């Protein structure tokens, strides 16, 4: 596991703009998790992180660099990954229990009201809910 951070230094202060966790196994480096300050998106900190990670993976002898999946309705994420030369491949996922058995119509497309509500919740509330839900994944 590796964590790469994009930081901005200004007037002796350091501010983290974005961070990405990479996992490695065998000959592959996996882009696993990412977070970025919305206010910093115009500085493209995720591009800086990807550039560094790709170069590090090549230097360390990894044969594959896996940028991970893209849910069907995330064109921006698909564009971000394609500009690095990623080749699109189908991913197959199997869920147990079946989403309909736990009252969900689909996992990749939350209801718009739920999505809007989630974005308005305080971070502490989302952390508690996330911890609770994570136990069942």
N, C-alpha and C. Protein backbone atom coordinates (compact mmCIF):
# COMPACT_ATOMS: atom_id res chain seq x y z
N UNK A 1 0.85 -1.18 0.00
CA UNK A 1 0.00 0.00 0.00
C UNK A 1 0.89 1.24 0.00
N UNK A 2 0.45 2.25 -0.73
CA UNK A 2 1.20 3.50 -0.79
C UNK A 2 0.20 4.65 -0.82
N UNK A 3 0.52 5.70 -0.11
CA UNK A 3 -0.29 6.92 -0.11
C UNK A 3 0.54 8.03 -0.74
N UNK A 4 -0.01 8.65 -1.78
CA UNK A 4 0.63 9.82 -2.39
C UNK A 4 -0.27 11.03 -2.14
N UNK A 5 0.35 12.13 -1.75
CA UNK A 5 -0.37 13.37 -1.48
C UNK A 5 0.10 14.47 -2.42
N UNK A 6 -0.83 15.31 -2.83
CA UNK A 6 -0.50 16.53 -3.56
C UNK A 6 -0.70 17.67 -2.57
N UNK A 7 0.36 18.42 -2.35
CA UNK A 7 0.31 19.48 -1.35
C UNK A 7 0.64 20.83 -1.99
N UNK A 8 0.12 21.89 -1.38
CA UNK A 8 0.42 23.25 -1.80
C UNK A 8 1.07 23.95 -0.63
N UNK A 9 2.24 24.52 -0.86
CA UNK A 9 2.92 25.26 0.19
C UNK A 9 2.77 26.74 -0.11
N UNK A 10 2.28 27.48 0.89
CA UNK A 10 2.03 28.90 0.71
C UNK A 10 2.30 29.61 2.03
N UNK A 11 3.21 30.55 2.00
CA UNK A 11 3.55 31.34 3.19
C UNK A 11 3.91 30.46 4.39
N UNK A 12 4.68 29.42 4.15
CA UNK A 12 5.13 28.54 5.22
C UNK A 12 4.09 27.54 5.70
N UNK A 13 2.92 27.55 5.09
CA UNK A 13 1.86 26.58 5.44
C UNK A 13 1.73 25.55 4.34
N UNK A 14 1.45 24.32 4.74
CA UNK A 14 1.25 23.25 3.78
C UNK A 14 -0.21 22.81 3.83
N UNK A 15 -0.85 22.78 2.69
CA UNK A 15 -2.24 22.35 2.60
C UNK A 15 -2.32 21.13 1.68
N UNK A 16 -2.93 20.06 2.18
CA UNK A 16 -3.13 18.87 1.36
C UNK A 16 -4.28 19.15 0.39
N UNK A 17 -4.02 18.97 -0.90
CA UNK A 17 -5.03 19.21 -1.93
C UNK A 17 -5.74 17.93 -2.34
N UNK A 18 -4.98 16.83 -2.38
CA UNK A 18 -5.54 15.55 -2.81
C UNK A 18 -4.66 14.43 -2.29
N UNK A 19 -5.24 13.26 -2.23
CA UNK A 19 -4.48 12.08 -1.82
C UNK A 19 -5.04 10.84 -2.48
N UNK A 20 -4.16 9.89 -2.77
CA UNK A 20 -4.58 8.65 -3.42
C UNK A 20 -3.86 7.49 -2.76
N UNK A 21 -4.60 6.42 -2.53
CA UNK A 21 -4.02 5.18 -2.02
C UNK A 21 -3.88 4.21 -3.18
N UNK A 22 -2.70 3.63 -3.30
CA UNK A 22 -2.41 2.63 -4.32
C UNK A 22 -2.10 1.32 -3.63
N UNK A 23 -2.57 0.24 -4.22
CA UNK A 23 -2.29 -1.10 -3.73
C UNK A 23 -1.45 -1.82 -4.78
N UNK A 24 -0.60 -2.71 -4.36
CA UNK A 24 0.20 -3.47 -5.31
C UNK A 24 0.08 -4.94 -5.00
N UNK A 25 0.11 -5.72 -6.05
CA UNK A 25 0.08 -7.18 -5.93
C UNK A 25 0.69 -7.76 -7.19
N UNK A 26 1.68 -8.61 -7.01
CA UNK A 26 2.32 -9.23 -8.16
C UNK A 26 2.94 -8.19 -9.07
N UNK A 27 2.51 -8.19 -10.32
CA UNK A 27 3.06 -7.27 -11.32
C UNK A 27 2.18 -6.04 -11.55
N UNK A 28 1.18 -5.83 -10.65
CA UNK A 28 0.20 -4.77 -10.89
C UNK A 28 0.16 -3.76 -9.76
N UNK A 29 0.09 -2.49 -10.14
CA UNK A 29 -0.16 -1.39 -9.22
C UNK A 29 -1.61 -0.95 -9.45
N UNK A 30 -2.41 -0.91 -8.39
CA UNK A 30 -3.83 -0.59 -8.48
C UNK A 30 -4.11 0.79 -7.90
N UNK A 31 -4.78 1.63 -8.67
CA UNK A 31 -5.30 2.92 -8.20
C UNK A 31 -6.54 2.56 -7.39
N UNK A 32 -6.50 2.75 -6.07
CA UNK A 32 -7.57 2.22 -5.23
C UNK A 32 -8.55 3.28 -4.72
N UNK A 33 -8.06 4.29 -4.03
CA UNK A 33 -8.94 5.28 -3.40
C UNK A 33 -8.35 6.67 -3.59
N UNK A 34 -9.24 7.66 -3.75
CA UNK A 34 -8.78 9.02 -3.99
C UNK A 34 -9.70 10.01 -3.29
N UNK A 35 -9.11 11.09 -2.84
CA UNK A 35 -9.88 12.20 -2.29
C UNK A 35 -9.24 13.50 -2.74
N UNK A 36 -10.06 14.50 -2.99
CA UNK A 36 -9.54 15.78 -3.47
C UNK A 36 -10.43 16.90 -2.97
N UNK A 37 -9.81 18.00 -2.57
CA UNK A 37 -10.59 19.19 -2.20
C UNK A 37 -11.24 19.76 -3.46
N UNK A 38 -12.53 20.00 -3.40
CA UNK A 38 -13.22 20.56 -4.57
C UNK A 38 -12.64 21.91 -4.97
N UNK A 39 -12.25 22.71 -3.99
CA UNK A 39 -11.71 24.03 -4.27
C UNK A 39 -10.36 23.95 -4.98
N UNK A 40 -9.71 22.79 -4.94
CA UNK A 40 -8.39 22.64 -5.56
C UNK A 40 -8.44 21.97 -6.93
N UNK A 41 -9.61 21.63 -7.42
CA UNK A 41 -9.70 20.90 -8.69
C UNK A 41 -9.07 21.66 -9.86
N UNK A 42 -9.14 22.98 -9.84
CA UNK A 42 -8.56 23.74 -10.96
C UNK A 42 -7.04 23.60 -11.02
N UNK A 43 -6.41 23.21 -9.91
CA UNK A 43 -4.96 22.98 -9.88
C UNK A 43 -4.58 21.59 -10.37
N UNK A 44 -5.57 20.75 -10.59
CA UNK A 44 -5.40 19.38 -11.08
C UNK A 44 -4.42 18.54 -10.25
N UNK A 45 -4.63 18.50 -8.93
CA UNK A 45 -3.73 17.72 -8.09
C UNK A 45 -3.79 16.22 -8.38
N UNK A 46 -4.93 15.72 -8.84
CA UNK A 46 -5.03 14.30 -9.16
C UNK A 46 -4.14 13.94 -10.35
N UNK A 47 -3.97 14.87 -11.29
CA UNK A 47 -3.07 14.63 -12.42
C UNK A 47 -1.62 14.51 -11.94
N UNK A 48 -1.24 15.37 -11.02
CA UNK A 48 0.12 15.32 -10.47
C UNK A 48 0.36 13.97 -9.78
N UNK A 49 -0.62 13.54 -9.00
CA UNK A 49 -0.49 12.25 -8.31
C UNK A 49 -0.39 11.11 -9.30
N UNK A 50 -1.25 11.09 -10.32
CA UNK A 50 -1.21 10.01 -11.31
C UNK A 50 0.12 9.97 -12.05
N UNK A 51 0.59 11.13 -12.46
CA UNK A 51 1.86 11.19 -13.17
C UNK A 51 2.96 10.58 -12.32
N UNK A 52 3.01 10.97 -11.06
CA UNK A 52 4.05 10.45 -10.15
C UNK A 52 3.89 8.95 -9.94
N UNK A 53 2.66 8.50 -9.72
CA UNK A 53 2.40 7.08 -9.46
C UNK A 53 2.76 6.21 -10.67
N UNK A 54 2.43 6.65 -11.85
CA UNK A 54 2.74 5.89 -13.06
C UNK A 54 4.26 5.79 -13.24
N UNK A 55 4.94 6.89 -13.05
CA UNK A 55 6.40 6.87 -13.18
C UNK A 55 7.05 5.99 -12.10
N UNK A 56 6.54 6.07 -10.87
CA UNK A 56 7.07 5.22 -9.80
C UNK A 56 6.84 3.74 -10.12
N UNK A 57 5.63 3.42 -10.60
CA UNK A 57 5.31 2.02 -10.91
C UNK A 57 6.23 1.48 -12.02
N UNK A 58 6.48 2.29 -13.03
CA UNK A 58 7.40 1.87 -14.10
C UNK A 58 8.81 1.67 -13.56
N UNK A 59 9.27 2.61 -12.78
CA UNK A 59 10.63 2.54 -12.24
C UNK A 59 10.80 1.32 -11.33
N UNK A 60 9.73 0.93 -10.62
CA UNK A 60 9.79 -0.18 -9.69
C UNK A 60 9.52 -1.53 -10.37
N UNK A 61 9.27 -1.51 -11.68
CA UNK A 61 9.15 -2.76 -12.43
C UNK A 61 7.76 -3.36 -12.52
N UNK A 62 6.73 -2.61 -12.17
CA UNK A 62 5.37 -3.15 -12.33
C UNK A 62 5.04 -3.21 -13.82
N UNK A 63 4.37 -4.29 -14.22
CA UNK A 63 4.02 -4.47 -15.64
C UNK A 63 2.67 -3.85 -15.97
N UNK A 64 1.80 -3.74 -14.97
CA UNK A 64 0.43 -3.25 -15.20
C UNK A 64 0.10 -2.14 -14.21
N UNK A 65 -0.69 -1.20 -14.69
CA UNK A 65 -1.18 -0.11 -13.86
C UNK A 65 -2.68 -0.08 -14.03
N UNK A 66 -3.41 -0.48 -13.01
CA UNK A 66 -4.86 -0.63 -13.08
C UNK A 66 -5.53 0.61 -12.51
N UNK A 67 -6.23 1.36 -13.37
CA UNK A 67 -6.91 2.58 -12.94
C UNK A 67 -8.28 2.31 -12.32
N UNK A 68 -8.71 1.06 -12.26
CA UNK A 68 -9.97 0.73 -11.60
C UNK A 68 -11.19 0.97 -12.45
N UNK A 69 -12.32 0.69 -11.85
CA UNK A 69 -13.60 0.75 -12.57
C UNK A 69 -14.20 2.14 -12.60
N UNK A 70 -15.17 2.28 -13.50
CA UNK A 70 -15.93 3.52 -13.64
C UNK A 70 -17.41 3.15 -13.70
N UNK A 71 -18.21 3.62 -12.73
CA UNK A 71 -19.66 3.37 -12.82
C UNK A 71 -20.20 3.97 -14.10
N UNK A 72 -21.27 3.40 -14.62
CA UNK A 72 -21.82 3.79 -15.91
C UNK A 72 -22.14 5.25 -16.08
N UNK A 73 -22.47 5.96 -15.02
CA UNK A 73 -22.91 7.36 -15.17
C UNK A 73 -21.84 8.36 -14.73
N UNK A 74 -20.56 8.02 -14.84
CA UNK A 74 -19.49 8.92 -14.42
C UNK A 74 -18.54 9.23 -15.59
N UNK A 75 -19.04 10.01 -16.54
CA UNK A 75 -18.25 10.36 -17.72
C UNK A 75 -16.97 11.10 -17.41
N UNK A 76 -17.01 11.96 -16.39
CA UNK A 76 -15.81 12.71 -16.01
C UNK A 76 -14.70 11.80 -15.52
N UNK A 77 -15.06 10.79 -14.75
CA UNK A 77 -14.07 9.84 -14.26
C UNK A 77 -13.53 9.00 -15.41
N UNK A 78 -14.39 8.64 -16.33
CA UNK A 78 -13.97 7.88 -17.50
C UNK A 78 -12.98 8.70 -18.33
N UNK A 79 -13.26 9.99 -18.52
CA UNK A 79 -12.36 10.87 -19.26
C UNK A 79 -11.01 10.97 -18.55
N UNK A 80 -11.05 11.16 -17.21
CA UNK A 80 -9.81 11.29 -16.43
C UNK A 80 -8.92 10.07 -16.65
N UNK A 81 -9.51 8.89 -16.63
CA UNK A 81 -8.71 7.66 -16.77
C UNK A 81 -8.26 7.44 -18.22
N UNK A 82 -9.08 7.84 -19.18
CA UNK A 82 -8.71 7.62 -20.58
C UNK A 82 -7.54 8.51 -21.01
N UNK A 83 -7.42 9.67 -20.41
CA UNK A 83 -6.33 10.55 -20.83
C UNK A 83 -4.97 10.03 -20.41
N UNK A 84 -4.95 8.98 -19.57
CA UNK A 84 -3.69 8.34 -19.19
C UNK A 84 -3.39 7.13 -20.06
N UNK A 85 -4.20 6.94 -21.10
CA UNK A 85 -3.96 5.82 -22.01
C UNK A 85 -4.60 4.52 -21.57
N UNK A 86 -5.53 4.61 -20.64
CA UNK A 86 -6.19 3.41 -20.13
C UNK A 86 -6.99 2.73 -21.23
N UNK A 87 -6.98 1.42 -21.22
CA UNK A 87 -7.79 0.64 -22.15
C UNK A 87 -9.03 0.15 -21.41
N UNK A 88 -10.18 0.47 -21.97
CA UNK A 88 -11.43 0.11 -21.33
C UNK A 88 -11.68 -1.39 -21.43
N UNK A 89 -12.04 -1.97 -20.30
CA UNK A 89 -12.37 -3.41 -20.24
C UNK A 89 -13.61 -3.59 -19.38
N UNK A 90 -14.42 -4.58 -19.75
CA UNK A 90 -15.61 -4.88 -18.96
C UNK A 90 -15.20 -5.51 -17.63
N UNK A 91 -15.89 -5.10 -16.58
CA UNK A 91 -15.71 -5.72 -15.26
C UNK A 91 -17.01 -6.42 -14.89
N UNK A 92 -16.87 -7.56 -14.32
CA UNK A 92 -18.05 -8.31 -13.89
C UNK A 92 -18.04 -8.39 -12.37
N UNK A 93 -19.16 -8.05 -11.77
CA UNK A 93 -19.29 -8.10 -10.32
C UNK A 93 -20.45 -9.00 -9.95
N UNK A 94 -20.24 -9.70 -8.88
CA UNK A 94 -21.27 -10.59 -8.36
C UNK A 94 -21.55 -10.17 -6.93
N UNK A 95 -22.82 -9.95 -6.62
CA UNK A 95 -23.21 -9.49 -5.30
C UNK A 95 -23.98 -10.58 -4.56
N UNK A 96 -23.63 -10.72 -3.28
CA UNK A 96 -24.41 -11.59 -2.41
C UNK A 96 -24.55 -10.88 -1.09
N UNK A 97 -25.76 -10.70 -0.60
CA UNK A 97 -27.01 -11.10 -1.22
C UNK A 97 -27.32 -10.25 -2.45
N UNK A 98 -28.22 -10.75 -3.27
CA UNK A 98 -28.64 -10.04 -4.46
C UNK A 98 -29.22 -8.69 -4.03
N UNK A 99 -28.85 -7.57 -4.69
CA UNK A 99 -29.32 -6.25 -4.26
C UNK A 99 -30.83 -6.17 -4.03
N UNK A 100 -31.63 -6.84 -4.86
CA UNK A 100 -33.08 -6.78 -4.68
C UNK A 100 -33.51 -7.44 -3.37
N UNK A 101 -32.71 -8.37 -2.85
CA UNK A 101 -33.03 -9.04 -1.59
C UNK A 101 -32.80 -8.14 -0.38
N UNK A 102 -31.99 -7.09 -0.55
CA UNK A 102 -31.74 -6.19 0.57
C UNK A 102 -32.41 -4.84 0.34
N UNK A 103 -33.37 -4.79 -0.60
CA UNK A 103 -34.16 -3.60 -0.81
C UNK A 103 -33.52 -2.53 -1.67
N UNK A 104 -32.53 -2.90 -2.46
CA UNK A 104 -31.89 -1.93 -3.35
C UNK A 104 -32.12 -2.34 -4.78
N UNK A 105 -32.44 -1.35 -5.63
CA UNK A 105 -32.66 -1.68 -7.03
C UNK A 105 -31.33 -1.82 -7.76
N UNK A 106 -30.35 -1.02 -7.40
CA UNK A 106 -29.02 -1.12 -7.98
C UNK A 106 -28.03 -0.47 -7.05
N UNK A 107 -26.82 -0.94 -7.06
CA UNK A 107 -25.81 -0.40 -6.16
C UNK A 107 -25.13 0.82 -6.77
N UNK A 108 -24.99 0.88 -8.08
CA UNK A 108 -24.23 1.95 -8.72
C UNK A 108 -25.03 3.21 -9.02
N UNK A 109 -26.34 3.21 -8.80
CA UNK A 109 -27.14 4.38 -9.14
C UNK A 109 -28.09 4.74 -7.99
N UNK A 110 -27.60 5.47 -6.97
CA UNK A 110 -28.48 5.84 -5.87
C UNK A 110 -29.57 6.80 -6.34
N UNK A 111 -30.67 6.78 -5.64
CA UNK A 111 -31.78 7.68 -5.95
C UNK A 111 -31.30 9.13 -5.85
N UNK A 112 -31.72 10.01 -6.78
CA UNK A 112 -31.24 11.40 -6.76
C UNK A 112 -31.49 12.13 -5.43
N UNK A 113 -32.61 11.84 -4.78
CA UNK A 113 -32.90 12.50 -3.50
C UNK A 113 -31.91 12.02 -2.44
N UNK A 114 -31.62 10.71 -2.44
CA UNK A 114 -30.65 10.17 -1.50
C UNK A 114 -29.27 10.78 -1.74
N UNK A 115 -28.90 10.90 -3.00
CA UNK A 115 -27.60 11.47 -3.36
C UNK A 115 -27.50 12.93 -2.90
N UNK A 116 -28.55 13.71 -3.14
CA UNK A 116 -28.55 15.12 -2.74
C UNK A 116 -28.53 15.26 -1.22
N UNK A 117 -29.28 14.40 -0.52
CA UNK A 117 -29.30 14.43 0.94
C UNK A 117 -27.93 14.09 1.50
N UNK A 118 -27.30 13.06 0.95
CA UNK A 118 -25.98 12.63 1.42
C UNK A 118 -24.97 13.78 1.35
N UNK A 119 -25.02 14.55 0.27
CA UNK A 119 -24.07 15.65 0.09
C UNK A 119 -24.29 16.78 1.09
N UNK A 120 -25.48 16.87 1.68
CA UNK A 120 -25.77 17.94 2.64
C UNK A 120 -25.48 17.54 4.09
N UNK A 121 -25.23 16.26 4.32
CA UNK A 121 -24.99 15.79 5.69
C UNK A 121 -23.63 16.27 6.20
N UNK A 122 -23.54 16.57 7.50
CA UNK A 122 -22.23 16.90 8.09
C UNK A 122 -21.29 15.70 7.98
N UNK A 123 -19.99 15.97 7.86
CA UNK A 123 -19.01 14.90 7.70
C UNK A 123 -19.07 13.88 8.84
N UNK A 124 -19.28 14.32 10.05
CA UNK A 124 -19.34 13.38 11.18
C UNK A 124 -20.49 12.38 11.01
N UNK A 125 -21.61 12.85 10.49
CA UNK A 125 -22.76 11.97 10.27
C UNK A 125 -22.43 10.96 9.17
N UNK A 126 -21.82 11.42 8.08
CA UNK A 126 -21.47 10.49 7.00
C UNK A 126 -20.46 9.45 7.48
N UNK A 127 -19.55 9.84 8.37
CA UNK A 127 -18.56 8.89 8.90
C UNK A 127 -19.24 7.80 9.71
N UNK A 128 -20.19 8.17 10.55
CA UNK A 128 -20.91 7.18 11.37
C UNK A 128 -21.72 6.24 10.47
N UNK A 129 -22.44 6.82 9.53
CA UNK A 129 -23.24 6.00 8.61
C UNK A 129 -22.33 5.09 7.79
N UNK A 130 -21.24 5.65 7.26
CA UNK A 130 -20.30 4.86 6.46
C UNK A 130 -19.72 3.70 7.23
N UNK A 131 -19.34 3.93 8.50
CA UNK A 131 -18.81 2.85 9.33
C UNK A 131 -19.84 1.75 9.54
N UNK A 132 -21.09 2.16 9.75
CA UNK A 132 -22.15 1.17 9.96
C UNK A 132 -22.40 0.34 8.69
N UNK A 133 -22.50 1.00 7.55
CA UNK A 133 -22.76 0.31 6.28
C UNK A 133 -21.60 -0.58 5.90
N UNK A 134 -20.36 -0.13 6.15
CA UNK A 134 -19.17 -0.87 5.76
C UNK A 134 -19.14 -2.27 6.38
N UNK A 135 -19.70 -2.41 7.55
CA UNK A 135 -19.72 -3.74 8.21
C UNK A 135 -20.47 -4.78 7.38
N UNK A 136 -21.38 -4.34 6.53
CA UNK A 136 -22.20 -5.27 5.76
C UNK A 136 -21.69 -5.48 4.34
N UNK A 137 -20.61 -4.81 3.97
CA UNK A 137 -20.09 -4.95 2.61
C UNK A 137 -19.05 -6.06 2.54
